[in-house]
N, C-alpha and C. Protein backbone atom coordinates (compact mmCIF):
# COMPACT_ATOMS: atom_id res chain seq x y z
N UNK A 1 83.17 -22.91 15.10
CA UNK A 1 82.44 -22.69 15.87
C UNK A 1 82.18 -22.31 16.87
N UNK A 2 82.95 -21.91 18.10
CA UNK A 2 82.96 -22.11 19.17
C UNK A 2 82.70 -20.96 19.98
N UNK A 3 82.15 -21.00 21.22
CA UNK A 3 81.29 -20.29 21.87
C UNK A 3 81.02 -20.48 23.20
N UNK A 4 81.09 -19.17 23.89
CA UNK A 4 80.30 -18.98 25.30
C UNK A 4 79.29 -18.06 25.88
N UNK A 5 78.84 -17.86 26.60
CA UNK A 5 77.44 -16.76 26.69
C UNK A 5 79.00 -15.21 27.10
N UNK A 6 79.53 -15.42 26.45
CA UNK A 6 80.31 -13.97 26.57
C UNK A 6 81.42 -14.16 25.42
N UNK A 7 81.35 -14.94 24.56
CA UNK A 7 82.89 -15.08 23.46
C UNK A 7 82.37 -16.09 21.95
N UNK A 8 82.66 -15.76 20.84
CA UNK A 8 82.56 -16.24 19.90
C UNK A 8 84.68 -16.64 19.07
N UNK A 9 84.08 -17.81 18.17
CA UNK A 9 85.68 -18.23 17.88
C UNK A 9 85.22 -19.28 16.62
N UNK A 10 85.44 -17.71 15.34
CA UNK A 10 84.86 -18.65 13.56
C UNK A 10 86.21 -18.07 13.71
N UNK A 11 85.64 -19.15 11.80
CA UNK A 11 86.13 -18.66 10.83
C UNK A 11 85.95 -17.75 9.83
N UNK A 12 86.59 -17.06 8.85
CA UNK A 12 85.63 -16.01 8.08
C UNK A 12 86.57 -16.49 7.02
N UNK A 13 85.43 -16.75 6.03
CA UNK A 13 86.58 -17.94 4.56
C UNK A 13 87.27 -16.98 3.69
N UNK A 14 87.25 -15.22 3.61
CA UNK A 14 87.38 -14.29 2.86
C UNK A 14 87.03 -12.99 3.25
N UNK A 15 87.11 -12.24 2.38
CA UNK A 15 87.32 -11.11 2.53
C UNK A 15 85.61 -10.32 1.76
N UNK A 16 85.39 -10.72 1.68
CA UNK A 16 84.24 -10.74 1.52
C UNK A 16 83.09 -11.12 2.59
N UNK A 17 83.30 -12.03 3.27
CA UNK A 17 83.01 -12.86 4.44
C UNK A 17 82.81 -12.28 5.44
N UNK A 18 84.02 -11.75 5.55
CA UNK A 18 84.36 -11.09 6.67
C UNK A 18 83.65 -10.07 7.09
N UNK A 19 83.57 -9.27 5.71
CA UNK A 19 82.25 -7.80 5.26
C UNK A 19 81.38 -8.69 6.21
N UNK A 20 80.15 -9.39 5.36
CA UNK A 20 79.22 -9.97 5.64
C UNK A 20 79.00 -9.60 6.79
N UNK A 21 80.06 -10.34 7.77
CA UNK A 21 79.56 -10.22 8.91
C UNK A 21 79.52 -8.97 9.43
N UNK A 22 80.51 -8.34 8.91
CA UNK A 22 80.36 -6.91 10.00
C UNK A 22 79.35 -5.99 8.83
N UNK A 23 78.78 -6.93 8.37
CA UNK A 23 77.29 -5.64 8.02
C UNK A 23 75.58 -7.08 8.93
N UNK A 24 76.59 -8.58 9.33
CA UNK A 24 75.09 -9.13 10.27
C UNK A 24 75.65 -7.94 11.51
N UNK A 25 76.89 -7.57 12.20
CA UNK A 25 77.09 -6.98 13.02
C UNK A 25 76.26 -5.46 13.18
N UNK A 26 76.49 -5.11 11.70
CA UNK A 26 75.92 -3.10 11.84
C UNK A 26 73.99 -3.33 11.33
N UNK A 27 73.43 -3.79 11.51
CA UNK A 27 72.45 -4.55 11.37
C UNK A 27 71.95 -5.08 12.88
N UNK A 28 71.93 -4.77 13.24
CA UNK A 28 72.37 -4.79 14.85
C UNK A 28 72.35 -3.92 16.68
N UNK A 29 73.06 -2.97 15.44
CA UNK A 29 73.26 -2.17 16.75
C UNK A 29 72.18 -1.09 16.76
N UNK A 30 72.15 -0.89 18.22
CA UNK A 30 71.32 0.57 17.64
C UNK A 30 71.96 1.86 18.71
N UNK A 31 72.92 2.01 18.91
CA UNK A 31 73.98 3.37 19.73
C UNK A 31 74.09 2.66 20.98
N UNK A 32 75.21 3.11 21.05
CA UNK A 32 75.70 3.27 22.72
C UNK A 32 76.96 2.22 22.28
N UNK A 33 76.59 0.73 21.41
CA UNK A 33 77.50 0.01 21.34
C UNK A 33 79.33 0.30 20.95
N UNK A 34 80.30 -0.14 21.76
CA UNK A 34 81.10 0.20 21.45
C UNK A 34 82.50 -1.00 20.65
N UNK A 35 83.02 -0.96 19.39
CA UNK A 35 83.63 -2.87 19.13
C UNK A 35 85.34 -2.64 18.90
N UNK A 36 85.66 -2.94 19.68
CA UNK A 36 87.28 -3.01 19.90
C UNK A 36 87.79 -3.31 19.00
N UNK A 37 88.47 -3.40 18.30
CA UNK A 37 89.04 -4.30 16.14
C UNK A 37 90.74 -4.27 16.80
N UNK A 38 91.12 -5.80 16.69
CA UNK A 38 91.82 -5.97 17.11
C UNK A 38 93.02 -6.61 15.97
N UNK A 39 93.93 -6.18 15.32
CA UNK A 39 94.74 -7.20 15.34
C UNK A 39 95.94 -6.01 13.83
N UNK A 40 96.69 -7.71 13.54
CA UNK A 40 97.59 -7.29 12.53
C UNK A 40 97.43 -6.30 11.04
N UNK A 41 98.09 -6.00 11.01
CA UNK A 41 98.27 -4.83 9.23
C UNK A 41 97.11 -6.15 8.28
N UNK A 42 96.48 -5.75 7.59
CA UNK A 42 95.58 -5.82 7.20
C UNK A 42 95.33 -7.45 6.91
N UNK A 43 94.97 -7.53 8.14
CA UNK A 43 93.92 -8.40 8.66
C UNK A 43 92.42 -8.25 8.23
N UNK A 44 91.76 -7.42 7.80
CA UNK A 44 90.33 -7.18 7.66
C UNK A 44 89.74 -6.83 8.72
N UNK A 45 90.74 -5.66 9.69
CA UNK A 45 90.32 -4.77 10.33
C UNK A 45 88.88 -3.82 9.47
N UNK A 46 89.04 -3.04 9.00
CA UNK A 46 88.50 -1.73 8.23
C UNK A 46 87.73 -2.60 7.86
N UNK A 47 87.41 -3.65 6.34
CA UNK A 47 86.14 -4.96 5.63
C UNK A 47 85.68 -4.58 6.15
N UNK A 48 85.43 -5.21 8.05
CA UNK A 48 84.64 -5.22 9.04
C UNK A 48 83.67 -3.67 9.11
N UNK A 49 84.37 -3.27 9.19
CA UNK A 49 83.84 -1.71 9.85
C UNK A 49 83.24 -1.91 8.59
N UNK A 50 84.07 -2.12 6.90
CA UNK A 50 82.51 -1.31 5.84
C UNK A 50 81.65 -1.98 6.22
N UNK A 51 81.76 -3.67 6.80
CA UNK A 51 80.53 -4.48 5.93
C UNK A 51 79.80 -3.69 7.49
N UNK A 52 79.83 -3.38 8.69
CA UNK A 52 79.34 -2.84 9.62
C UNK A 52 78.77 -1.47 8.72
N UNK A 53 78.95 -0.21 8.63
CA UNK A 53 78.56 0.18 7.61
C UNK A 53 77.07 -0.02 7.09
N UNK A 54 77.14 -0.31 6.51
CA UNK A 54 76.72 -0.87 4.44
C UNK A 54 75.39 -1.56 6.03
N UNK A 55 75.46 -2.37 7.02
CA UNK A 55 74.77 -3.27 7.64
C UNK A 55 73.53 -1.20 7.90
N UNK A 56 74.28 -1.04 8.06
CA UNK A 56 72.98 0.59 9.07
C UNK A 56 73.08 1.52 7.97
N UNK A 57 73.33 1.54 6.51
CA UNK A 57 72.40 1.77 5.26
C UNK A 57 73.38 2.52 4.93
N UNK A 58 74.78 2.03 4.67
CA UNK A 58 75.18 3.33 3.89
C UNK A 58 76.00 2.79 3.09
N UNK A 59 76.72 3.19 2.11
CA UNK A 59 77.27 2.78 0.99
C UNK A 59 78.44 2.01 1.05
N UNK A 60 78.83 0.90 1.78
CA UNK A 60 79.75 0.32 2.12
C UNK A 60 80.89 0.62 1.44
N UNK A 61 81.18 1.08 0.24
CA UNK A 61 82.29 1.87 -1.18
C UNK A 61 82.79 2.65 -0.65
N UNK A 62 81.48 4.06 0.11
CA UNK A 62 82.78 4.92 1.53
C UNK A 62 83.08 4.69 2.40
N UNK A 63 83.57 3.95 2.82
CA UNK A 63 84.32 3.51 4.20
C UNK A 63 85.67 3.52 3.83
N UNK A 64 86.48 4.38 4.06
CA UNK A 64 87.98 3.98 3.99
C UNK A 64 88.89 3.31 5.56
N UNK A 65 90.05 3.90 4.99
CA UNK A 65 90.62 3.29 6.75
C UNK A 65 91.16 4.73 6.98
N UNK A 66 90.38 4.40 8.26
CA UNK A 66 90.80 6.21 8.67
C UNK A 66 92.43 6.59 9.70
N UNK A 67 93.02 5.85 8.95
CA UNK A 67 94.45 5.97 9.49
C UNK A 67 94.89 7.46 9.29
N UNK A 68 94.85 7.63 8.85
CA UNK A 68 95.29 9.49 8.03
C UNK A 68 94.24 10.28 8.56
N UNK A 69 93.77 10.37 8.48
CA UNK A 69 92.70 11.40 8.91
C UNK A 69 92.07 11.17 10.57
N UNK A 70 92.58 9.56 11.33
CA UNK A 70 91.88 8.92 12.59
C UNK A 70 90.83 9.42 12.51
N UNK A 71 89.72 10.17 12.16
CA UNK A 71 88.49 9.85 12.78
C UNK A 71 87.56 9.48 11.13
N UNK A 72 86.73 8.54 11.43
CA UNK A 72 85.25 9.84 10.02
C UNK A 72 84.23 8.78 10.54
N UNK A 73 83.20 10.16 10.19
CA UNK A 73 82.19 9.48 10.83
C UNK A 73 81.35 9.17 9.47
N UNK A 74 80.16 8.58 9.24
CA UNK A 74 79.14 7.93 8.58
C UNK A 74 77.95 7.89 9.61
N UNK A 75 76.83 8.37 8.15
CA UNK A 75 75.81 8.67 9.19
C UNK A 75 74.87 7.91 7.98
N UNK A 76 74.08 6.93 8.60
CA UNK A 76 72.80 5.82 8.52
C UNK A 76 72.22 5.32 9.35
N UNK A 77 71.12 3.99 9.70
CA UNK A 77 70.38 4.32 10.27
C UNK A 77 70.89 5.07 11.91
N UNK A 78 72.53 4.18 12.54
CA UNK A 78 72.33 5.44 13.34
C UNK A 78 74.09 6.03 13.26
N UNK A 79 74.24 6.85 13.54
CA UNK A 79 76.37 7.66 13.03
C UNK A 79 77.09 6.21 13.56
N UNK A 80 78.44 6.27 12.92
CA UNK A 80 78.93 5.08 13.31
C UNK A 80 80.36 6.20 13.40
N UNK A 81 81.24 6.07 14.82
CA UNK A 81 82.26 6.40 14.32
C UNK A 81 83.35 5.38 14.48
N UNK A 82 84.25 6.40 12.67
CA UNK A 82 84.91 5.11 12.50
C UNK A 82 86.40 5.45 13.75
N UNK A 83 87.94 4.96 13.68
CA UNK A 83 88.65 5.40 14.82
C UNK A 83 89.98 4.56 13.96
N UNK A 84 90.92 5.37 14.01
CA UNK A 84 92.22 4.34 13.95
C UNK A 84 93.12 5.07 14.66
N UNK A 85 93.51 4.04 15.84
CA UNK A 85 94.39 4.74 17.01
C UNK A 85 96.01 4.42 16.00
N UNK A 86 95.91 3.65 15.27
CA UNK A 86 97.77 3.52 14.69
C UNK A 86 98.71 4.00 14.58
N UNK A 87 98.46 5.18 14.00
CA UNK A 87 99.31 6.52 14.56
C UNK A 87 99.46 7.34 15.81
N UNK A 88 98.85 6.80 16.06
CA UNK A 88 99.08 7.53 17.17
C UNK A 88 100.49 6.65 18.96
N UNK A 89 101.13 7.93 19.10
CA UNK A 89 101.68 7.52 19.93
C UNK A 89 101.58 7.10 21.44
N UNK A 90 101.25 8.22 22.04
CA UNK A 90 101.50 8.92 23.56
C UNK A 90 99.79 8.94 24.13
N UNK A 91 99.13 8.26 25.05
CA UNK A 91 98.08 8.81 25.51
C UNK A 91 97.48 9.03 25.21
N UNK A 92 98.14 10.57 25.44
CA UNK A 92 97.57 12.20 24.99
C UNK A 92 97.48 12.64 23.88
N UNK A 93 97.71 12.09 22.56
CA UNK A 93 97.03 11.81 21.67
C UNK A 93 95.50 11.25 21.35
N UNK A 94 96.08 10.32 21.88
CA UNK A 94 94.38 9.57 22.20
C UNK A 94 93.08 9.85 22.68
N UNK A 95 93.75 10.83 23.41
CA UNK A 95 93.01 12.10 24.54
C UNK A 95 91.88 13.12 23.78
N UNK A 96 93.12 13.42 23.09
CA UNK A 96 93.49 14.75 22.47
C UNK A 96 92.03 14.94 21.53
N UNK A 97 91.83 13.18 20.57
CA UNK A 97 91.41 13.31 19.51
C UNK A 97 89.93 13.77 20.38
N UNK A 98 89.69 13.42 21.42
CA UNK A 98 88.41 13.18 21.72
C UNK A 98 88.01 12.09 22.07
N UNK A 99 88.15 11.01 22.16
CA UNK A 99 87.51 9.55 22.18
C UNK A 99 86.76 9.59 23.12
N UNK A 100 87.02 9.72 23.84
CA UNK A 100 85.99 8.89 25.23
C UNK A 100 84.78 10.32 25.11
N UNK A 101 84.49 11.54 24.28
CA UNK A 101 83.66 12.06 24.34
C UNK A 101 82.45 11.49 23.04
N UNK A 102 83.27 10.11 22.22
CA UNK A 102 81.94 9.49 21.50
C UNK A 102 81.28 8.70 22.18
N UNK A 103 81.90 8.29 22.75
CA UNK A 103 81.13 7.42 23.45
C UNK A 103 79.94 7.16 24.42
N UNK A 104 78.41 7.23 23.38
CA UNK A 104 77.54 7.88 23.89
C UNK A 104 75.76 6.65 23.62
N UNK A 105 75.18 6.34 24.34
CA UNK A 105 74.35 6.04 24.03
C UNK A 105 73.87 6.52 21.95
N UNK A 106 74.51 7.51 21.40
CA UNK A 106 72.96 8.01 20.17
C UNK A 106 74.58 7.74 19.12
N UNK A 107 75.74 6.91 19.08
CA UNK A 107 75.94 6.42 18.13
C UNK A 107 77.04 4.91 18.41
N UNK A 108 77.48 4.29 17.45
CA UNK A 108 78.38 3.37 17.48
C UNK A 108 79.43 3.72 17.09
N UNK A 109 80.35 3.23 18.07
CA UNK A 109 81.91 3.38 17.51
C UNK A 109 82.98 1.54 17.54
N UNK A 110 83.56 2.23 15.89
CA UNK A 110 84.28 1.06 15.74
C UNK A 110 86.25 1.45 15.46
N UNK A 111 86.81 0.79 16.90
CA UNK A 111 88.19 1.37 17.19
C UNK A 111 89.03 0.45 16.50
N UNK A 112 89.63 0.94 15.63
CA UNK A 112 90.93 0.11 14.82
C UNK A 112 92.21 0.02 15.76
N UNK A 113 93.54 -0.53 15.90
CA UNK A 113 93.51 -0.92 17.43
C UNK A 113 93.47 -0.51 18.81
N UNK A 114 92.53 -0.82 18.95
CA UNK A 114 92.03 -0.43 20.14
C UNK A 114 93.09 -0.94 20.89
N UNK A 115 93.75 -1.99 20.94
CA UNK A 115 94.42 -2.46 22.11
C UNK A 115 95.94 -1.63 22.37
N UNK A 116 95.80 -0.48 21.73
CA UNK A 116 97.01 0.49 22.65
C UNK A 116 96.99 1.01 23.19
N UNK A 117 95.32 1.44 23.20
CA UNK A 117 94.87 1.88 24.60
C UNK A 117 94.03 2.05 24.83
N UNK A 118 94.33 0.90 26.19
CA UNK A 118 93.19 0.22 26.52
C UNK A 118 92.59 1.13 27.78
N UNK A 119 93.51 1.25 28.23
CA UNK A 119 92.94 2.20 29.49
C UNK A 119 91.56 3.14 28.97
N UNK A 120 91.61 3.43 27.50
CA UNK A 120 90.75 4.85 27.05
C UNK A 120 89.43 4.08 27.16
N UNK A 121 89.27 2.52 26.73
CA UNK A 121 88.07 1.73 26.44
C UNK A 121 87.38 1.73 27.35
N UNK A 122 85.58 1.96 27.12
CA UNK A 122 84.55 1.46 28.03
C UNK A 122 85.34 0.40 28.70
N UNK A 123 84.29 -0.44 29.40
CA UNK A 123 84.08 -1.47 30.41
C UNK A 123 83.54 -2.94 29.37
N UNK A 124 82.20 -1.45 28.80
CA UNK A 124 81.52 -2.88 28.57
C UNK A 124 82.07 -2.15 26.11
N UNK A 125 82.42 -2.94 26.01
CA UNK A 125 82.94 -3.99 24.62
C UNK A 125 82.56 -4.77 24.18
N UNK A 126 83.16 -4.68 22.73
CA UNK A 126 82.87 -6.07 22.15
C UNK A 126 84.40 -5.76 21.45
N UNK A 127 84.97 -6.51 22.03
CA UNK A 127 86.80 -7.07 21.23
C UNK A 127 86.70 -8.23 20.31
N UNK A 128 86.51 -7.67 19.56
CA UNK A 128 87.25 -8.74 18.29
C UNK A 128 87.98 -8.40 17.48
N UNK A 129 89.26 -9.50 17.84
CA UNK A 129 90.29 -10.26 17.96
C UNK A 129 90.68 -10.48 16.12
N UNK A 130 90.56 -10.11 14.94
CA UNK A 130 91.62 -11.10 13.50
C UNK A 130 92.74 -11.34 13.54
N UNK A 131 93.19 -12.26 13.18
CA UNK A 131 93.98 -13.26 13.07
C UNK A 131 94.44 -13.97 11.50
N UNK A 132 95.09 -13.75 11.16
CA UNK A 132 95.43 -14.54 9.52
C UNK A 132 94.93 -15.81 9.98
N UNK A 133 94.95 -16.77 9.27
CA UNK A 133 95.58 -18.08 9.00
C UNK A 133 95.80 -18.73 8.00
N UNK A 134 95.20 -17.83 6.22
CA UNK A 134 96.34 -17.91 5.43
C UNK A 134 96.04 -16.59 4.74
N UNK A 135 96.64 -17.26 3.51
CA UNK A 135 96.51 -15.52 3.11
C UNK A 135 94.59 -14.60 2.32
N UNK A 136 94.01 -15.47 2.68
CA UNK A 136 92.00 -15.39 2.30
C UNK A 136 91.64 -15.78 3.70
N UNK A 137 92.06 -16.48 4.59
CA UNK A 137 90.83 -16.92 5.63
C UNK A 137 91.22 -16.32 7.04
N UNK A 138 90.89 -15.60 7.77
CA UNK A 138 91.21 -15.11 9.38
C UNK A 138 90.38 -15.75 10.38
N UNK A 139 90.75 -15.88 11.23
CA UNK A 139 89.66 -16.32 12.78
C UNK A 139 89.61 -15.58 13.52
N UNK A 140 87.77 -15.27 13.67
CA UNK A 140 87.69 -14.31 14.71
C UNK A 140 87.40 -15.00 16.03
N UNK A 141 87.97 -13.76 17.39
CA UNK A 141 87.60 -14.73 17.92
C UNK A 141 86.71 -13.30 18.86
N UNK A 142 85.20 -12.92 18.93
CA UNK A 142 84.82 -11.79 19.75
C UNK A 142 83.94 -12.33 21.07
N UNK A 143 84.51 -10.82 21.92
CA UNK A 143 84.69 -10.95 23.78
C UNK A 143 83.42 -9.94 24.09
N UNK A 144 82.87 -10.87 24.77
CA UNK A 144 81.74 -9.41 25.28
C UNK A 144 81.66 -8.78 26.68
N UNK A 145 82.51 -7.83 27.08
CA UNK A 145 82.57 -7.04 27.80
C UNK A 145 82.11 -6.04 28.48
N UNK A 146 81.10 -6.92 29.48
CA UNK A 146 80.18 -6.22 29.10
C UNK A 146 77.92 -6.41 29.62
N UNK A 147 77.23 -5.95 29.91
CA UNK A 147 75.61 -6.35 29.74
C UNK A 147 75.64 -6.55 28.28
N UNK A 148 75.86 -4.68 28.06
CA UNK A 148 75.06 -4.62 26.24
C UNK A 148 75.73 -5.13 25.17
N UNK A 149 77.05 -5.58 25.58
CA UNK A 149 78.27 -6.16 23.91
C UNK A 149 77.64 -7.61 24.73
N UNK A 150 77.30 -8.30 25.73
CA UNK A 150 76.99 -9.65 25.54
C UNK A 150 75.24 -9.52 25.34
N UNK A 151 74.14 -9.35 25.17
CA UNK A 151 73.22 -9.15 24.35
C UNK A 151 73.36 -8.88 22.89
N UNK A 152 74.24 -7.91 22.75
CA UNK A 152 74.39 -7.67 21.31
C UNK A 152 75.12 -9.32 20.27
N UNK A 153 76.26 -9.94 21.59
CA UNK A 153 76.58 -11.60 21.05
C UNK A 153 75.36 -11.99 20.67
N UNK A 154 75.29 -12.25 21.62
CA UNK A 154 73.80 -13.11 21.42
C UNK A 154 73.01 -12.81 20.83
N UNK A 155 73.07 -11.87 20.50
CA UNK A 155 71.26 -11.69 18.78
C UNK A 155 72.29 -11.75 17.49
N UNK A 156 74.04 -12.28 17.33
CA UNK A 156 74.97 -11.42 16.56
C UNK A 156 74.30 -13.76 16.43
N UNK A 157 74.94 -13.79 17.76
CA UNK A 157 74.80 -15.79 17.40
C UNK A 157 73.59 -16.06 17.00
N UNK A 158 72.93 -15.15 17.09
CA UNK A 158 70.97 -16.18 16.53
C UNK A 158 70.90 -16.21 15.04
N UNK A 159 71.51 -15.24 14.40
CA UNK A 159 71.87 -14.61 13.88
C UNK A 159 73.10 -15.05 12.02
N UNK A 160 73.57 -15.86 12.36
CA UNK A 160 75.20 -16.07 11.87
C UNK A 160 75.60 -17.33 12.27
N UNK A 161 74.72 -18.56 11.40
CA UNK A 161 74.39 -19.66 11.68
C UNK A 161 75.95 -20.99 11.04
N UNK A 162 76.51 -21.52 12.07
CA UNK A 162 77.08 -22.34 10.75
C UNK A 162 76.38 -22.94 10.42
N UNK A 163 77.88 -23.10 8.97
CA UNK A 163 77.10 -24.54 7.99
C UNK A 163 77.53 -25.14 7.15
N UNK A 164 78.43 -26.47 8.21
CA UNK A 164 78.94 -27.49 8.22
C UNK A 164 80.58 -27.72 9.43
N UNK A 165 80.94 -28.21 9.47
CA UNK A 165 81.18 -28.77 10.30
C UNK A 165 83.52 -27.73 10.39
N UNK A 166 83.05 -27.80 9.37
CA UNK A 166 84.27 -26.59 9.66
C UNK A 166 84.55 -25.78 10.24
N UNK A 167 83.35 -24.96 10.74
CA UNK A 167 82.88 -24.20 11.41
C UNK A 167 83.32 -22.29 10.39
N UNK A 168 82.75 -22.52 9.21
CA UNK A 168 82.66 -21.83 8.31
C UNK A 168 80.82 -21.32 8.73
N UNK A 169 80.61 -19.47 8.12
CA UNK A 169 79.36 -19.42 8.83
C UNK A 169 78.70 -19.42 6.85
N UNK A 170 77.48 -18.70 7.71
CA UNK A 170 76.09 -18.97 6.56
C UNK A 170 76.48 -17.34 6.71
N UNK A 171 75.44 -16.31 5.30
CA UNK A 171 75.30 -14.87 5.78
C UNK A 171 74.33 -14.82 6.06
N UNK A 172 74.23 -13.20 6.80
CA UNK A 172 73.77 -13.25 7.86
C UNK A 172 71.75 -13.50 6.90
N UNK A 173 71.43 -13.55 7.69
CA UNK A 173 69.85 -13.22 6.71
C UNK A 173 69.65 -12.56 6.65
N UNK A 174 68.69 -11.98 5.25
CA UNK A 174 68.26 -11.09 4.82
C UNK A 174 69.21 -10.40 3.47
N UNK A 175 70.49 -10.99 3.98
CA UNK A 175 71.86 -10.53 3.80
C UNK A 175 71.70 -11.55 1.02
N UNK A 176 71.40 -10.61 1.05
CA UNK A 176 71.26 -11.32 -0.53
C UNK A 176 72.99 -11.68 -0.71
N UNK A 177 72.96 -12.31 -2.32
CA UNK A 177 74.77 -12.21 -2.61
C UNK A 177 73.62 -12.46 -4.00
N UNK A 178 75.46 -12.22 -4.91
CA UNK A 178 75.43 -12.38 -6.51
C UNK A 178 75.29 -13.65 -6.46
N UNK A 179 74.22 -13.21 -8.33
CA UNK A 179 74.16 -14.44 -9.17
C UNK A 179 75.88 -15.22 -8.95
N UNK A 180 76.45 -16.62 -9.55
CA UNK A 180 78.36 -16.70 -9.68
C UNK A 180 78.09 -16.84 -11.52
């Protein structure tokens, strides 16, 4: 696990660990955070959001990719707006869904395919880049852009600790695992 004050590199060993990592992020959200999720198809963006929403007290099973709906809203400890920009082609389309209206202190926003319209993203955001390593493992690079995102990342580093030299991470504190 490589780290700097504004970034974090780690390996997620399975889809379940990707979801668990999202759960850890969700537990830390207070409102006003924007997560810009970047990565190719099938890399785990929706799995990360499933965990994030679970960390806010919403049943993770209720989370689906908003590819066709574009926007889903989940109500937990605080509202989460889950946006998927994959199907949008033009800047005007992204503006027409009211993207900028979601960036408030009252909600957390997770945007899949955020790199399609970077000019619409707030300056303060946590960029989460996911990439395939193997069929089941993912490389995650988090980069905080702005003070709120740096604070979120600093808190995340405190609860998501490496368990071995390989860079794999433990489950976040308080997360229950099922018996094997």
